[in-house]
Amino acid sequence: MCHHWNCLEPAVDHGDQARPARSDRPVRLDDPHAAPPARPRPTSIAELDTVLGGGIVPGSVTLLGGAPGIGKSTLMLQLLSAWHGPTMYIAAEESAEQIRERAERLDIDRSSIWVHATTSVSSAIEAIESHCPGGQKCAELVVIDSIQTVTDPDLGGVSGGVAQVRACAQRLVDVAKASNVAFVLIGHITKDGNLAGPSTLEHVVDTVLHFEGDHHHALRQLRASKHRFGPTNELGVFEMTPGGLEAVDDPSAVLLADRRAGIPGSVIVPTVEGRRALVVEIQALTNPTPPGASARRSAQGLDSRRLAMLLAVLERRARVGLGDLDVYASATGGLRLTEPGCDLGVAIAVASARLDAPVSSRVAVFGEVGLGGEIRQVPGLERRIAEARRLECTRIVVPATALGPSPGNDIVGVHTVAQGLTAAGVTDDVHALRAV
């Protein structure tokens, strides 16, 4: 104590210098003295860099969600191995021996990966902030597997609880910003496909990634639903192999490899994810509903509510009777398609199955379907057409309102669903549908 009045002086805490500078007054966006924007650091995994807009930003925190067994841990081990610098794997669900065995099975370089098996966030932070032999940091990139199993010993509540998950995530975010170490937090998902834990966790981190796929298919998709350092509409495609996850250079060719020509209910649809155009196969099947039972509508890889709407439009606007039939629709390859550009493809596939009229393997279709049966424009017209042409499609059915003055001889513009059925070869005469 100094035993004097009014002698306290403000002191600046320099322990947080890695945090973004804040000011209590407005600043101009074109201020030449402003700090430069954070630059991503490439991960050497091309598909991951595509989704992240170039790589991982030092000091950032990324949340990776996905179903159990989908390949999250495999992807993270490959990321740590490809990273140029020291990395650390905080194993809160498995032992260090299990992580080592998986790395050996994948035959990845383990020389720069440190493993620390603990469920204590304090122990994890202590290991991350420690220095390895030679005085270097043990980690420039850290994976926490998983955030739901890490706990703070000083905080009450069970592992995975709202309070524990929020508190542990916040402590790790603080460490990331203070030390300029990048973190990837692996998170569980619910039955609905949403990230488990408090919803505020998604607001705490910088990036939220979703790793999706069907366990019965080899393809995996990586998407970003939030990304403070780049776009959120990019798609990364991987294939699960015995040697780990491999980038898929031509997803369209893989998705169409097993397609059988001449089968009713099968349609080729160009879709767009970010800057990437994919050509996928949509299949449909109709079958008489058993007496006394309600008609079933089943969608796999498609929005079931969107399917129900399209069936109603087919019945009302194109006179395709479906009320006494079970309808099954699927996006092949384990993909999940949510964009409205697939509407016309789904409608044509269902009508093709109902009328037993195959669509040629050289025909591709896309467009959004409105409740009035009209075909609406969708983004990425040129990219969809280019991808369909690359796969040797000779007839491409598109929204007529999107066409320019010289669309090309292989382009057919349609205004309605009924016109789309005719253009795709499902029926030669739209009026014949009234007799169905």
Protein backbone atom coordinates (compact mmCIF):
# COMPACT_ATOMS: atom_id res chain seq x y z
CA MET A 1 0.00 0.00 0.00
CA CYS A 2 1.22 3.52 -0.79
CA HIS A 3 -0.83 5.26 2.00
CA HIS A 4 -1.69 8.11 -0.39
CA TRP A 5 -4.99 9.27 -1.85
CA ASN A 6 -5.70 9.33 -5.59
CA CYS A 7 -2.36 7.84 -6.62
CA LEU A 8 -3.58 4.88 -8.68
CA GLU A 9 -2.49 4.88 -12.30
CA PRO A 10 -3.99 2.81 -15.12
CA ALA A 11 -1.89 -0.06 -16.42
CA VAL A 12 -2.15 -1.79 -19.78
CA ASP A 13 -2.31 -5.59 -19.87
CA HIS A 14 -0.06 -6.70 -22.73
CA GLY A 15 -0.93 -10.36 -22.36
CA ASP A 16 -3.72 -10.08 -24.96
CA GLN A 17 -1.80 -8.49 -27.80
CA ALA A 18 -2.83 -11.23 -30.21
CA ARG A 19 -6.48 -10.19 -29.97
CA PRO A 20 -7.94 -7.89 -32.62
CA ALA A 21 -7.48 -4.25 -31.72
CA ARG A 22 -10.62 -2.49 -30.52
CA SER A 23 -11.38 1.19 -30.30
CA ASP A 24 -13.99 3.27 -28.50
CA ARG A 25 -14.37 5.56 -31.50
CA PRO A 26 -15.31 4.91 -35.12
CA VAL A 27 -12.59 4.33 -37.71
CA ARG A 28 -12.65 4.56 -41.49
CA LEU A 29 -12.72 1.30 -43.45
CA ASP A 30 -10.02 2.64 -45.77
CA ASP A 31 -7.72 3.69 -42.92
CA PRO A 32 -4.16 3.05 -44.25
CA HIS A 33 -2.92 2.44 -40.71
CA ALA A 34 -5.44 -0.31 -39.98
CA ALA A 35 -4.12 -3.78 -39.23
CA PRO A 36 -3.98 -6.05 -42.31
CA PRO A 37 -6.65 -8.77 -42.56
CA ALA A 38 -5.85 -12.26 -41.31
CA ARG A 39 -4.37 -14.47 -44.01
CA PRO A 40 -5.28 -18.16 -44.24
CA ARG A 41 -2.49 -20.69 -44.13
CA PRO A 42 -2.85 -23.57 -46.64
CA THR A 43 -3.39 -27.02 -45.14
CA SER A 44 -2.02 -28.96 -48.15
CA ILE A 45 -5.44 -30.68 -48.43
CA ALA A 46 -6.95 -29.11 -51.55
CA GLU A 47 -10.62 -29.87 -50.83
CA LEU A 48 -10.34 -28.52 -47.28
CA ASP A 49 -8.60 -25.37 -48.51
CA THR A 50 -11.40 -24.86 -51.05
CA VAL A 51 -14.07 -24.92 -48.34
CA LEU A 52 -12.02 -22.67 -46.03
CA GLY A 53 -11.21 -20.13 -48.72
CA GLY A 54 -7.49 -20.88 -48.82
CA GLY A 55 -6.68 -22.55 -45.50
CA ILE A 56 -6.80 -22.12 -41.74
CA VAL A 57 -6.21 -18.69 -40.21
CA PRO A 58 -3.76 -18.71 -37.23
CA GLY A 59 -5.60 -17.95 -34.00
CA SER A 60 -8.96 -19.04 -35.43
CA VAL A 61 -11.32 -21.62 -33.93
CA THR A 62 -13.17 -24.05 -36.19
CA LEU A 63 -16.03 -26.33 -35.14
CA LEU A 64 -16.29 -29.56 -37.15
CA GLY A 65 -19.51 -31.56 -36.83
CA GLY A 66 -20.52 -34.90 -38.27
CA ALA A 67 -22.15 -38.22 -37.53
CA PRO A 68 -20.17 -40.84 -35.57
CA GLY A 69 -17.93 -42.91 -37.83
CA ILE A 70 -18.24 -40.55 -40.81
CA GLY A 71 -14.48 -39.85 -40.82
CA LYS A 72 -13.96 -36.71 -38.72
CA SER A 73 -11.01 -38.11 -36.77
CA THR A 74 -9.47 -39.49 -39.97
CA LEU A 75 -9.72 -36.11 -41.65
CA MET A 76 -8.18 -34.36 -38.63
CA LEU A 77 -5.24 -36.77 -38.45
CA GLN A 78 -4.57 -36.19 -42.14
CA LEU A 79 -4.80 -32.44 -41.54
CA LEU A 80 -2.29 -32.55 -38.67
CA SER A 81 0.07 -34.68 -40.73
CA ALA A 82 -0.12 -32.33 -43.74
CA TRP A 83 0.39 -29.19 -41.64
CA HIS A 84 3.87 -27.67 -41.95
CA GLY A 85 4.72 -27.22 -38.28
CA PRO A 86 4.12 -28.80 -34.86
CA THR A 87 0.58 -29.97 -34.13
CA MET A 88 -1.26 -31.51 -31.19
CA TYR A 89 -4.18 -33.93 -30.91
CA ILE A 90 -6.12 -33.64 -27.63
CA ALA A 91 -7.80 -37.04 -27.30
CA ALA A 92 -10.70 -36.79 -24.88
CA GLU A 93 -12.52 -39.89 -26.15
CA GLU A 94 -9.69 -42.27 -27.00
CA SER A 95 -6.29 -43.19 -25.62
CA ALA A 96 -3.02 -42.11 -27.15
CA GLU A 97 -2.45 -45.73 -28.23
CA GLN A 98 -5.70 -45.78 -30.18
CA ILE A 99 -4.76 -42.57 -31.96
CA ARG A 100 -1.33 -43.97 -32.76
CA GLU A 101 -2.82 -47.21 -34.14
CA ARG A 102 -5.17 -45.27 -36.41
CA ALA A 103 -2.30 -43.12 -37.67
CA GLU A 104 -0.24 -46.23 -38.41
CA ARG A 105 -3.18 -47.84 -40.22
CA LEU A 106 -3.55 -44.73 -42.38
CA ASP A 107 0.23 -44.68 -42.95
CA ILE A 108 0.54 -40.96 -42.25
CA ASP A 109 3.58 -39.03 -41.10
CA ARG A 110 3.43 -38.83 -37.31
CA SER A 111 6.73 -37.06 -36.63
CA SER A 112 5.19 -33.61 -36.01
CA ILE A 113 2.02 -34.71 -34.17
CA TRP A 114 1.89 -34.62 -30.38
CA VAL A 115 -0.91 -36.50 -28.60
CA HIS A 116 -2.28 -35.69 -25.18
CA ALA A 117 -5.08 -37.89 -23.82
CA THR A 118 -7.11 -35.96 -21.25
CA THR A 119 -10.66 -34.84 -20.54
CA SER A 120 -9.54 -31.82 -18.49
CA VAL A 121 -9.54 -28.52 -20.36
CA SER A 122 -6.97 -27.16 -17.90
CA SER A 123 -4.60 -30.06 -18.62
CA ALA A 124 -5.14 -29.60 -22.35
CA ILE A 125 -4.35 -25.88 -22.19
CA GLU A 126 -1.23 -26.55 -20.10
CA ALA A 127 0.01 -29.03 -22.71
CA ILE A 128 -0.75 -26.65 -25.57
CA GLU A 129 1.10 -23.77 -23.91
CA SER A 130 4.11 -25.90 -22.96
CA HIS A 131 7.31 -25.97 -24.98
CA CYS A 132 8.84 -29.01 -26.59
CA PRO A 133 12.53 -29.92 -26.59
CA GLY A 134 14.43 -27.14 -28.32
CA GLY A 135 12.24 -24.39 -26.91
CA GLN A 136 9.69 -24.47 -29.73
CA LYS A 137 5.95 -24.45 -29.28
CA CYS A 138 4.40 -27.90 -29.21
CA ALA A 139 1.52 -26.81 -31.39
CA GLU A 140 0.58 -24.31 -34.07
CA LEU A 141 -2.59 -26.27 -34.82
CA VAL A 142 -4.62 -28.16 -32.20
CA VAL A 143 -7.49 -30.64 -32.61
CA ILE A 144 -9.86 -31.21 -29.68
CA ASP A 145 -11.68 -34.54 -30.00
CA SER A 146 -14.31 -33.85 -28.85
CA ILE A 147 -15.56 -30.63 -27.27
CA GLN A 148 -18.49 -32.51 -25.68
CA THR A 149 -16.16 -34.75 -23.65
CA VAL A 150 -13.81 -32.04 -22.37
CA THR A 151 -14.64 -30.69 -18.90
CA ASP A 152 -13.54 -27.87 -16.63
CA PRO A 153 -12.72 -29.35 -13.18
CA ASP A 154 -13.55 -26.05 -11.50
CA LEU A 155 -17.04 -25.94 -12.97
CA GLY A 156 -20.00 -28.02 -11.90
CA GLY A 157 -22.14 -30.07 -14.23
CA VAL A 158 -21.66 -33.22 -16.24
CA SER A 159 -19.52 -33.69 -19.33
CA GLY A 160 -21.39 -32.58 -22.41
CA GLY A 161 -23.75 -30.34 -20.48
CA VAL A 162 -24.60 -26.86 -21.70
CA ALA A 163 -22.56 -25.08 -19.03
CA GLN A 164 -19.50 -27.31 -19.47
CA VAL A 165 -19.45 -27.16 -23.28
CA ARG A 166 -19.88 -23.39 -23.35
CA ALA A 167 -17.25 -22.73 -20.68
CA CYS A 168 -14.65 -25.08 -22.18
CA ALA A 169 -15.15 -23.70 -25.67
CA GLN A 170 -14.76 -20.14 -24.42
CA ARG A 171 -11.52 -20.97 -22.60
CA LEU A 172 -10.11 -22.57 -25.74
CA VAL A 173 -11.14 -19.56 -27.83
CA ASP A 174 -9.32 -17.29 -25.37
CA VAL A 175 -6.17 -19.41 -25.68
CA ALA A 176 -6.39 -19.37 -29.48
CA LYS A 177 -6.62 -15.58 -29.65
CA ALA A 178 -3.91 -15.00 -27.05
CA SER A 179 -1.37 -17.49 -28.44
CA ASN A 180 -2.22 -17.29 -32.17
CA VAL A 181 -2.70 -21.08 -32.22
CA ALA A 182 -5.42 -22.42 -34.54
CA PHE A 183 -7.97 -24.81 -33.02
CA VAL A 184 -10.35 -27.34 -34.54
CA LEU A 185 -13.07 -28.55 -32.16
CA ILE A 186 -14.78 -31.80 -33.14
CA GLY A 187 -18.45 -31.80 -32.19
CA HIS A 188 -21.17 -34.41 -32.05
CA ILE A 189 -24.43 -34.00 -33.94
CA THR A 190 -28.02 -34.81 -33.01
CA LYS A 191 -30.39 -37.17 -34.83
CA ASP A 192 -31.62 -34.18 -36.83
CA GLY A 193 -28.09 -33.51 -38.10
CA ASN A 194 -27.59 -30.38 -35.99
CA LEU A 195 -24.56 -29.76 -33.82
CA ALA A 196 -25.15 -30.96 -30.28
CA GLY A 197 -24.63 -28.67 -27.30
CA PRO A 198 -25.67 -25.05 -26.80
CA SER A 199 -26.52 -23.13 -29.94
CA THR A 200 -24.33 -20.30 -28.70
CA LEU A 201 -21.29 -22.51 -29.37
CA GLU A 202 -21.65 -21.77 -33.07
CA HIS A 203 -21.47 -18.04 -32.31
CA VAL A 204 -18.30 -18.40 -30.22
CA VAL A 205 -16.20 -20.01 -32.97
CA ASP A 206 -15.02 -18.46 -36.23
CA THR A 207 -15.95 -21.30 -38.58
CA VAL A 208 -18.53 -24.10 -38.52
CA LEU A 209 -17.94 -27.08 -40.82
CA HIS A 210 -20.26 -30.01 -41.47
CA PHE A 211 -18.85 -33.36 -42.59
CA GLU A 212 -21.64 -35.32 -44.26
CA GLY A 213 -22.14 -38.60 -46.04
CA ASP A 214 -23.82 -41.97 -45.98
CA HIS A 215 -22.05 -44.77 -44.12
CA HIS A 216 -23.03 -47.10 -46.95
CA HIS A 217 -21.33 -44.93 -49.58
CA ALA A 218 -17.71 -43.89 -49.92
CA LEU A 219 -18.33 -40.23 -50.80
CA ARG A 220 -18.12 -37.56 -48.10
CA GLN A 221 -19.01 -33.87 -48.40
CA LEU A 222 -17.53 -31.01 -46.41
CA ARG A 223 -19.52 -27.77 -46.17
CA ALA A 224 -19.23 -24.55 -44.18
CA SER A 225 -22.35 -23.02 -42.61
CA LYS A 226 -20.34 -20.16 -41.06
CA HIS A 227 -16.94 -18.75 -41.97
CA ARG A 228 -15.66 -15.35 -40.86
CA PHE A 229 -12.71 -15.44 -43.24
CA GLY A 230 -14.35 -16.44 -46.51
CA PRO A 231 -17.43 -17.76 -48.33
CA THR A 232 -19.84 -20.31 -46.87
CA ASN A 233 -21.16 -21.89 -50.06
CA GLU A 234 -18.20 -24.02 -51.13
CA LEU A 235 -18.22 -27.82 -51.22
CA GLY A 236 -15.38 -30.27 -50.67
CA VAL A 237 -15.77 -33.87 -51.86
CA PHE A 238 -13.77 -36.79 -50.44
CA GLU A 239 -13.82 -40.53 -50.91
CA MET A 240 -13.24 -42.87 -47.96
CA THR A 241 -10.64 -45.48 -48.88
CA PRO A 242 -8.67 -48.04 -46.83
CA GLY A 243 -5.83 -45.49 -46.78
CA GLY A 244 -8.00 -42.64 -45.49
CA LEU A 245 -9.84 -39.81 -47.17
CA GLU A 246 -8.86 -38.90 -50.72
CA ALA A 247 -9.93 -35.84 -52.69
CA VAL A 248 -12.32 -36.51 -55.57
CA ASP A 249 -11.20 -34.56 -58.65
CA ASP A 250 -14.27 -35.39 -60.77
CA PRO A 251 -17.28 -36.01 -58.51
CA SER A 252 -19.74 -35.96 -61.42
CA ALA A 253 -18.08 -38.92 -63.13
CA VAL A 254 -18.05 -40.87 -59.85
CA LEU A 255 -21.72 -40.12 -59.15
CA LEU A 256 -22.80 -41.28 -62.61
CA ALA A 257 -20.49 -44.28 -62.88
CA ASP A 258 -23.15 -46.85 -61.88
CA ARG A 259 -26.11 -45.29 -63.70
CA ARG A 260 -28.10 -47.68 -65.90
CA ALA A 261 -29.45 -46.24 -69.10
CA GLY A 262 -33.04 -46.85 -70.18
CA ILE A 263 -34.50 -47.20 -66.67
CA PRO A 264 -37.70 -45.20 -65.99
CA GLY A 265 -37.43 -42.77 -63.09
CA SER A 266 -33.76 -41.83 -63.60
CA VAL A 267 -32.79 -38.25 -64.51
CA ILE A 268 -29.47 -36.38 -64.71
CA VAL A 269 -29.49 -33.04 -62.87
CA PRO A 270 -26.68 -30.44 -62.86
CA THR A 271 -26.44 -28.78 -59.44
CA VAL A 272 -24.19 -26.02 -58.12
CA GLU A 273 -22.43 -25.89 -54.74
CA GLY A 274 -20.41 -22.69 -54.40
CA ARG A 275 -18.15 -22.46 -57.44
CA ARG A 276 -18.41 -26.18 -58.14
CA ALA A 277 -20.92 -27.69 -60.54
CA LEU A 278 -21.89 -31.34 -60.08
CA VAL A 279 -24.01 -33.61 -62.21
CA VAL A 280 -25.99 -36.04 -60.07
CA GLU A 281 -28.56 -38.73 -60.72
CA ILE A 282 -32.01 -38.45 -59.20
CA GLN A 283 -34.07 -41.62 -59.11
CA ALA A 284 -37.77 -42.15 -58.47
CA LEU A 285 -40.00 -45.19 -58.11
CA THR A 286 -43.79 -45.46 -57.90
CA ASN A 287 -45.71 -48.47 -56.67
CA PRO A 288 -49.42 -49.15 -56.01
CA THR A 289 -50.41 -48.46 -52.42
CA PRO A 290 -51.74 -51.58 -50.62
CA PRO A 291 -55.53 -51.54 -50.09
CA GLY A 292 -56.52 -49.67 -46.95
CA ALA A 293 -53.08 -48.11 -46.46
CA SER A 294 -52.04 -44.48 -46.84
CA ALA A 295 -49.80 -43.58 -49.75
CA ARG A 296 -46.16 -43.30 -48.72
CA ARG A 297 -43.80 -40.53 -49.77
CA SER A 298 -40.16 -41.32 -49.03
CA ALA A 299 -37.18 -39.08 -49.81
CA GLN A 300 -33.52 -40.00 -49.45
CA GLY A 301 -31.00 -37.21 -49.89
CA LEU A 302 -33.86 -34.84 -50.73
CA ASP A 303 -36.14 -32.60 -48.69
CA SER A 304 -39.28 -34.63 -47.93
CA ARG A 305 -41.42 -31.50 -47.68
CA ARG A 306 -40.16 -30.31 -51.05
CA LEU A 307 -40.98 -33.71 -52.52
CA ALA A 308 -44.54 -33.52 -51.21
CA MET A 309 -44.95 -30.08 -52.81
CA LEU A 310 -43.62 -31.30 -56.17
CA LEU A 311 -46.02 -34.26 -56.16
CA ALA A 312 -48.92 -31.88 -55.56
CA VAL A 313 -47.76 -29.68 -58.47
CA LEU A 314 -47.49 -32.73 -60.75
CA GLU A 315 -51.03 -33.81 -59.94
CA ARG A 316 -52.62 -30.38 -60.15
CA ARG A 317 -50.65 -28.68 -62.94
CA ALA A 318 -49.53 -31.60 -65.14
CA ARG A 319 -52.35 -34.11 -64.46
CA VAL A 320 -50.00 -36.90 -63.37
CA GLY A 321 -52.07 -39.08 -61.05
CA LEU A 322 -50.13 -40.09 -57.94
CA GLY A 323 -52.77 -40.25 -55.19
CA ASP A 324 -52.99 -44.05 -55.11
CA LEU A 325 -49.25 -44.67 -55.41
CA ASP A 326 -46.32 -44.91 -53.04
CA VAL A 327 -43.58 -42.56 -54.25
CA TYR A 328 -39.88 -42.99 -53.48
CA ALA A 329 -37.28 -40.43 -54.58
CA SER A 330 -33.53 -40.50 -54.01
CA ALA A 331 -30.33 -38.61 -54.78
CA THR A 332 -27.74 -41.29 -55.51
CA GLY A 333 -24.22 -41.48 -54.13
CA GLY A 334 -25.14 -40.50 -50.57
CA LEU A 335 -25.46 -36.82 -51.47
CA ARG A 336 -27.97 -34.52 -49.83
CA LEU A 337 -29.47 -32.00 -52.25
CA THR A 338 -31.30 -29.00 -50.81
CA GLU A 339 -31.11 -26.38 -53.57
CA PRO A 340 -34.34 -25.65 -55.52
CA GLY A 341 -32.54 -26.11 -58.84
CA CYS A 342 -33.16 -29.84 -58.48
CA ASP A 343 -36.98 -29.43 -58.46
CA LEU A 344 -37.54 -30.03 -62.17
CA GLY A 345 -35.30 -33.10 -62.09
CA VAL A 346 -37.29 -34.61 -59.20
CA ALA A 347 -40.61 -33.89 -60.91
CA ILE A 348 -39.48 -35.43 -64.21
CA ALA A 349 -38.04 -38.49 -62.45
CA VAL A 350 -41.34 -39.12 -60.65
CA ALA A 351 -43.37 -38.64 -63.85
CA SER A 352 -40.96 -40.90 -65.74
CA ALA A 353 -41.45 -43.65 -63.17
CA ARG A 354 -45.22 -43.16 -63.15
CA LEU A 355 -45.55 -43.27 -66.95
CA ASP A 356 -42.86 -45.94 -67.37
CA ALA A 357 -41.11 -43.63 -69.84
CA PRO A 358 -37.27 -43.62 -69.58
CA VAL A 359 -35.36 -40.35 -69.95
CA SER A 360 -32.32 -40.51 -72.24
CA SER A 361 -28.92 -40.62 -70.58
CA ARG A 362 -27.96 -37.67 -72.81
CA VAL A 363 -30.65 -35.43 -71.30
CA ALA A 364 -29.99 -33.15 -68.32
CA VAL A 365 -32.60 -30.97 -66.59
CA PHE A 366 -32.66 -28.28 -63.92
CA GLY A 367 -34.91 -25.49 -62.67
CA GLU A 368 -36.98 -24.44 -59.69
CA VAL A 369 -40.67 -25.40 -59.72
CA GLY A 370 -43.27 -22.95 -58.42
CA LEU A 371 -46.70 -23.78 -57.04
CA GLY A 372 -48.25 -22.61 -60.29
CA GLY A 373 -46.24 -25.20 -62.20
CA GLU A 374 -43.94 -22.53 -63.62
CA ILE A 375 -40.20 -23.13 -64.01
CA ARG A 376 -38.15 -20.43 -62.32
CA GLN A 377 -34.56 -19.33 -62.82
CA VAL A 378 -31.75 -20.67 -60.64
CA PRO A 379 -28.20 -19.32 -60.17
CA GLY A 380 -25.18 -20.78 -61.93
CA LEU A 381 -26.84 -21.33 -65.32
CA GLU A 382 -23.62 -21.29 -67.35
CA ARG A 383 -21.75 -23.55 -64.93
CA ARG A 384 -24.57 -26.12 -64.93
CA ILE A 385 -24.73 -26.13 -68.73
CA ALA A 386 -20.94 -26.41 -69.06
CA GLU A 387 -20.80 -29.38 -66.67
CA ALA A 388 -23.64 -31.15 -68.50
CA ARG A 389 -21.89 -30.60 -71.82
CA ARG A 390 -18.62 -31.88 -70.39
CA LEU A 391 -20.39 -35.14 -69.61
CA GLU A 392 -21.64 -35.30 -73.22
CA CYS A 393 -25.27 -34.39 -72.58
CA THR A 394 -26.82 -33.39 -75.92
CA ARG A 395 -30.14 -32.02 -74.62
CA ILE A 396 -30.31 -29.70 -71.62
CA VAL A 397 -33.73 -28.60 -70.33
CA VAL A 398 -33.55 -25.24 -68.53
CA PRO A 399 -35.86 -22.39 -67.41
CA ALA A 400 -36.88 -20.48 -70.54
CA THR A 401 -36.75 -17.12 -68.76
CA ALA A 402 -33.01 -17.54 -68.15
CA LEU A 403 -32.02 -17.95 -71.78
CA GLY A 404 -30.18 -15.35 -73.80
CA PRO A 405 -30.68 -14.59 -77.50
CA SER A 406 -28.50 -17.52 -78.69
CA PRO A 407 -28.74 -20.37 -76.18
CA GLY A 408 -27.36 -23.14 -78.41
CA ASN A 409 -28.93 -26.04 -80.30
CA ASP A 410 -28.68 -28.38 -77.31
CA ILE A 411 -30.59 -26.05 -74.97
CA VAL A 412 -34.37 -26.33 -74.56
CA GLY A 413 -36.16 -23.66 -72.54
CA VAL A 414 -39.42 -24.54 -70.77
CA HIS A 415 -41.96 -22.39 -68.96
CA THR A 416 -43.97 -25.08 -67.13
CA VAL A 417 -43.60 -28.53 -65.63
CA ALA A 418 -45.79 -29.97 -68.38
CA GLN A 419 -43.44 -28.53 -71.01
CA GLY A 420 -40.51 -29.95 -69.08
CA LEU A 421 -42.01 -33.45 -69.25
CA THR A 422 -42.36 -33.12 -73.01
CA ALA A 423 -38.85 -31.66 -73.47
CA ALA A 424 -37.32 -34.52 -71.46
CA GLY A 425 -39.11 -37.11 -73.59
CA VAL A 426 -41.39 -38.40 -70.86
CA THR A 427 -44.40 -37.76 -73.10
CA ASP A 428 -44.81 -36.66 -76.71
CA ASP A 429 -48.08 -34.88 -76.05
CA VAL A 430 -48.75 -32.91 -72.89
CA HIS A 431 -52.51 -33.41 -73.29
CA ALA A 432 -52.02 -37.18 -73.16
CA LEU A 433 -51.25 -36.79 -69.46
CA ARG A 434 -54.90 -36.06 -68.80
CA ALA A 435 -55.69 -39.71 -69.56
CA VAL A 436 -53.25 -41.02 -66.95
